[in-house]
Amino acid sequence: MSTEPSQPSLTERRKAATQLEIARAAAALFAEHGPDGTTAEDIAGRAGVALRTFYRYFRSKQDAVGPLLSGGGDRWRALLAAAEPGEPLARTLERAVNEALRPPGTDGAEQLGVTRGLLRAAAQDPALRAVWYRVNQDSEERLLPVLTRLAGDGADPLEVRLAAAAATDAVRVALEAWAETDAPTTGPGSPAELAVRCLHELMGGMRLFKP
């Protein structure tokens, strides 16, 4: 029996593409006018969709940026899902973080720039901040079964759960700290460098991550 994940249907791919287009439009307008100066109608118009289509996918204008904010976590989990059990879990996590937060090419750098702008806006917008926290909570929940597989059958479920929370918070805190600065997307002070530092600090005392 195949264990490969099923591929999304054409309808699901079209839905995801529409959501991402709306998310990009929302992020661009937030950068230009701020959340307070942007309406759902503005976002729908920029994305080229009807307002009813916007509300089919999103509850509010702030909610519309969720697909962009969750993109990094999706890449990270995909890298971890492709890893094989047996290697020290700390090393696997660090490698995945480095790869996910060092996106190649200008598109990756632009995506991090969009995230920086949204996190800066979230500091002044409680509704946008709530979306960011919800994205991270969802990421933690989806990370748990991935880490459970990598940790192996003998791992303590409580330790794996704690590891999922710590790993998610390491990336969250790193991105928030980076967004407060003008540090580059690579090298010292970058999201990847900060995330690895946070991983070491948060996981240094966990038995699950001992060599």
Protein backbone atom coordinates (compact mmCIF):
# COMPACT_ATOMS: atom_id res chain seq x y z
CA MET A 1 0.00 0.00 0.00
CA SER A 2 1.45 3.39 -0.98
CA THR A 3 2.35 5.85 1.76
CA GLU A 4 2.85 8.75 -0.63
CA PRO A 5 0.59 11.75 0.13
CA SER A 6 -2.19 12.25 -2.37
CA GLN A 7 -1.80 15.10 -4.83
CA PRO A 8 -4.24 18.02 -4.52
CA SER A 9 -7.02 18.07 -7.05
CA LEU A 10 -7.28 20.71 -9.77
CA THR A 11 -10.03 22.43 -7.79
CA GLU A 12 -7.85 22.51 -4.67
CA ARG A 13 -4.91 23.92 -6.63
CA ARG A 14 -7.09 26.64 -8.14
CA LYS A 15 -8.48 27.50 -4.71
CA ALA A 16 -4.95 27.74 -3.25
CA ALA A 17 -3.80 29.89 -6.17
CA THR A 18 -6.73 32.28 -5.68
CA GLN A 19 -6.08 32.51 -1.94
CA LEU A 20 -2.43 33.27 -2.55
CA GLU A 21 -3.26 35.95 -5.12
CA ILE A 22 -5.61 37.61 -2.62
CA ALA A 23 -2.96 37.32 0.09
CA ARG A 24 -0.36 39.02 -2.11
CA ALA A 25 -2.79 41.82 -2.92
CA ALA A 26 -3.54 42.31 0.78
CA ALA A 27 0.14 42.39 1.71
CA ALA A 28 0.90 44.93 -1.03
CA LEU A 29 -1.93 47.21 0.06
CA PHE A 30 -0.97 46.92 3.73
CA ALA A 31 2.56 47.98 2.77
CA GLU A 32 1.22 50.95 0.80
CA HIS A 33 -1.59 52.16 3.06
CA GLY A 34 -1.43 50.14 6.28
CA PRO A 35 -4.20 47.83 7.51
CA ASP A 36 -6.31 50.80 8.65
CA GLY A 37 -6.13 52.39 5.21
CA THR A 38 -7.08 49.19 3.38
CA THR A 39 -10.52 47.64 2.96
CA ALA A 40 -11.63 44.21 1.86
CA GLU A 41 -13.02 45.86 -1.26
CA ASP A 42 -9.58 47.30 -2.01
CA ILE A 43 -7.98 43.88 -1.67
CA ALA A 44 -10.57 42.18 -3.85
CA GLY A 45 -10.12 44.84 -6.53
CA ARG A 46 -6.32 44.55 -6.48
CA ALA A 47 -6.58 40.74 -6.71
CA GLY A 48 -9.11 40.92 -9.54
CA VAL A 49 -11.82 38.97 -7.73
CA ALA A 50 -15.34 39.77 -6.63
CA LEU A 51 -15.88 40.81 -3.01
CA ARG A 52 -18.02 37.72 -2.46
CA THR A 53 -15.06 35.61 -3.59
CA PHE A 54 -12.86 37.35 -1.04
CA TYR A 55 -15.30 36.50 1.75
CA ARG A 56 -15.65 32.95 0.49
CA TYR A 57 -12.02 32.41 1.52
CA PHE A 58 -11.33 34.94 4.27
CA ARG A 59 -13.26 36.33 7.22
CA SER A 60 -11.46 39.69 7.36
CA LYS A 61 -8.85 41.80 5.56
CA GLN A 62 -6.21 40.76 8.10
CA ASP A 63 -7.09 37.09 7.70
CA ALA A 64 -6.26 37.39 4.00
CA VAL A 65 -2.48 37.42 4.61
CA GLY A 66 -2.54 34.03 6.36
CA PRO A 67 -1.36 32.08 3.28
CA LEU A 68 1.71 34.30 3.00
CA LEU A 69 2.58 34.08 6.69
CA SER A 70 2.23 30.30 6.68
CA GLY A 71 4.43 29.74 3.63
CA GLY A 72 7.69 29.45 5.56
CA GLY A 73 6.25 26.89 7.94
CA ASP A 74 4.96 24.87 5.01
CA ARG A 75 8.44 24.76 3.48
CA TRP A 76 10.02 23.80 6.79
CA ARG A 77 7.60 20.95 7.42
CA ALA A 78 8.05 19.67 3.87
CA LEU A 79 11.81 19.50 4.41
CA LEU A 80 11.34 17.67 7.71
CA ALA A 81 8.78 15.32 6.20
CA ALA A 82 11.34 14.34 3.58
CA ALA A 83 13.99 13.57 6.22
CA GLU A 84 14.63 10.02 7.41
CA PRO A 85 14.54 8.98 11.08
CA GLY A 86 17.82 7.99 12.67
CA GLU A 87 19.80 11.20 12.42
CA PRO A 88 19.95 13.33 15.61
CA LEU A 89 16.74 15.32 15.68
CA ALA A 90 18.48 18.59 16.58
CA ARG A 91 20.67 18.33 13.50
CA THR A 92 17.68 17.57 11.27
CA LEU A 93 15.76 20.55 12.59
CA GLU A 94 18.71 22.90 12.25
CA ARG A 95 19.35 21.86 8.66
CA ALA A 96 15.68 22.28 7.74
CA VAL A 97 15.51 25.72 9.38
CA ASN A 98 18.62 26.86 7.55
CA GLU A 99 17.23 25.73 4.21
CA ALA A 100 13.70 27.04 4.75
CA LEU A 101 14.82 30.46 5.94
CA ARG A 102 17.59 30.92 3.37
CA PRO A 103 15.39 30.98 0.29
CA PRO A 104 17.34 31.03 -2.95
CA GLY A 105 16.90 33.77 -5.52
CA THR A 106 15.17 37.12 -5.45
CA ASP A 107 11.71 35.61 -4.96
CA GLY A 108 12.74 34.15 -1.62
CA ALA A 109 14.27 37.40 -0.44
CA GLU A 110 11.13 39.26 -1.51
CA GLN A 111 8.96 36.80 0.42
CA LEU A 112 10.98 37.43 3.58
CA GLY A 113 10.64 41.15 2.93
CA VAL A 114 6.86 40.77 2.75
CA THR A 115 6.90 38.84 6.03
CA ARG A 116 8.99 41.60 7.64
CA GLY A 117 6.49 44.22 6.55
CA LEU A 118 3.53 42.23 7.82
CA LEU A 119 5.15 41.59 11.19
CA ARG A 120 5.94 45.27 11.57
CA ALA A 121 2.33 46.11 10.77
CA ALA A 122 1.14 43.44 13.21
CA ALA A 123 2.89 45.25 16.05
CA GLN A 124 0.27 48.01 15.69
CA ASP A 125 -2.70 45.90 14.57
CA PRO A 126 -4.15 43.39 17.08
CA ALA A 127 -6.24 41.61 14.42
CA LEU A 128 -3.20 41.09 12.19
CA ARG A 129 -1.19 39.93 15.21
CA ALA A 130 -3.91 37.40 16.00
CA VAL A 131 -3.57 35.98 12.47
CA TRP A 132 0.19 35.58 13.01
CA TYR A 133 -0.36 33.76 16.30
CA ARG A 134 -3.00 31.52 14.72
CA VAL A 135 -0.65 30.65 11.86
CA ASN A 136 2.01 29.63 14.38
CA GLN A 137 -0.42 27.56 16.44
CA ASP A 138 -1.51 25.74 13.32
CA SER A 139 2.12 25.20 12.32
CA GLU A 140 2.91 23.69 15.71
CA GLU A 141 -0.02 21.28 15.49
CA ARG A 142 0.98 20.18 11.98
CA LEU A 143 4.62 19.82 13.00
CA LEU A 144 3.81 17.37 15.82
CA PRO A 145 3.18 14.24 13.69
CA VAL A 146 6.27 15.04 11.60
CA LEU A 147 8.49 15.18 14.70
CA THR A 148 6.79 12.11 16.14
CA ARG A 149 7.89 10.10 13.11
CA LEU A 150 11.42 11.48 13.19
CA ALA A 151 11.82 10.94 16.94
CA GLY A 152 10.97 7.23 16.65
CA ASP A 153 8.75 4.83 18.53
CA GLY A 154 10.65 5.07 21.81
CA ALA A 155 10.32 8.84 22.21
CA ASP A 156 8.29 10.27 25.07
CA PRO A 157 5.14 11.86 23.54
CA LEU A 158 5.33 14.73 26.02
CA GLU A 159 8.91 15.51 24.98
CA VAL A 160 7.95 15.41 21.31
CA ARG A 161 5.05 17.76 21.96
CA LEU A 162 7.35 20.12 23.83
CA ALA A 163 9.85 19.92 20.98
CA ALA A 164 7.17 20.91 18.44
CA ALA A 165 6.23 23.92 20.57
CA ALA A 166 9.85 24.96 21.11
CA ALA A 167 10.78 24.57 17.44
CA THR A 168 7.79 26.61 16.32
CA ASP A 169 8.53 29.34 18.84
CA ALA A 170 12.20 29.40 17.84
CA VAL A 171 11.25 30.31 14.28
CA ARG A 172 8.51 32.71 15.40
CA VAL A 173 10.75 34.63 17.79
CA ALA A 174 13.56 34.72 15.23
CA LEU A 175 11.31 36.21 12.55
CA GLU A 176 9.82 38.74 14.96
CA ALA A 177 13.27 39.82 16.19
CA TRP A 178 14.56 40.08 12.62
CA ALA A 179 11.52 42.10 11.51
CA GLU A 180 12.35 44.74 14.14
CA THR A 181 15.73 45.35 12.51
CA ASP A 182 17.10 46.15 9.08
CA ALA A 183 19.34 43.05 9.05
CA PRO A 184 19.74 41.27 5.71
CA THR A 185 18.00 38.05 4.69
CA THR A 186 21.26 36.09 4.88
CA GLY A 187 24.31 36.14 7.12
CA PRO A 188 24.59 37.59 10.64
CA GLY A 189 21.27 38.72 12.07
CA SER A 190 19.29 36.96 9.32
CA PRO A 191 16.18 34.86 10.03
CA ALA A 192 18.10 31.60 9.59
CA GLU A 193 20.94 32.66 11.88
CA LEU A 194 18.56 33.89 14.57
CA ALA A 195 16.35 30.79 14.30
CA VAL A 196 19.30 28.44 14.81
CA ARG A 197 20.34 30.46 17.86
CA CYS A 198 16.81 30.22 19.25
CA LEU A 199 16.73 26.47 18.58
CA HIS A 200 19.95 25.98 20.54
CA GLU A 201 18.69 28.06 23.46
CA LEU A 202 15.24 26.50 23.67
CA MET A 203 16.26 22.88 23.06
CA GLY A 204 19.61 22.71 24.79
CA GLY A 205 18.19 21.11 27.93
CA MET A 206 15.78 18.66 26.29
CA ARG A 207 16.65 14.96 26.48
CA LEU A 208 15.18 14.42 23.04
CA PHE A 209 17.95 16.56 21.54
CA LYS A 210 20.90 15.09 23.38
CA PRO A 211 23.48 13.41 21.09
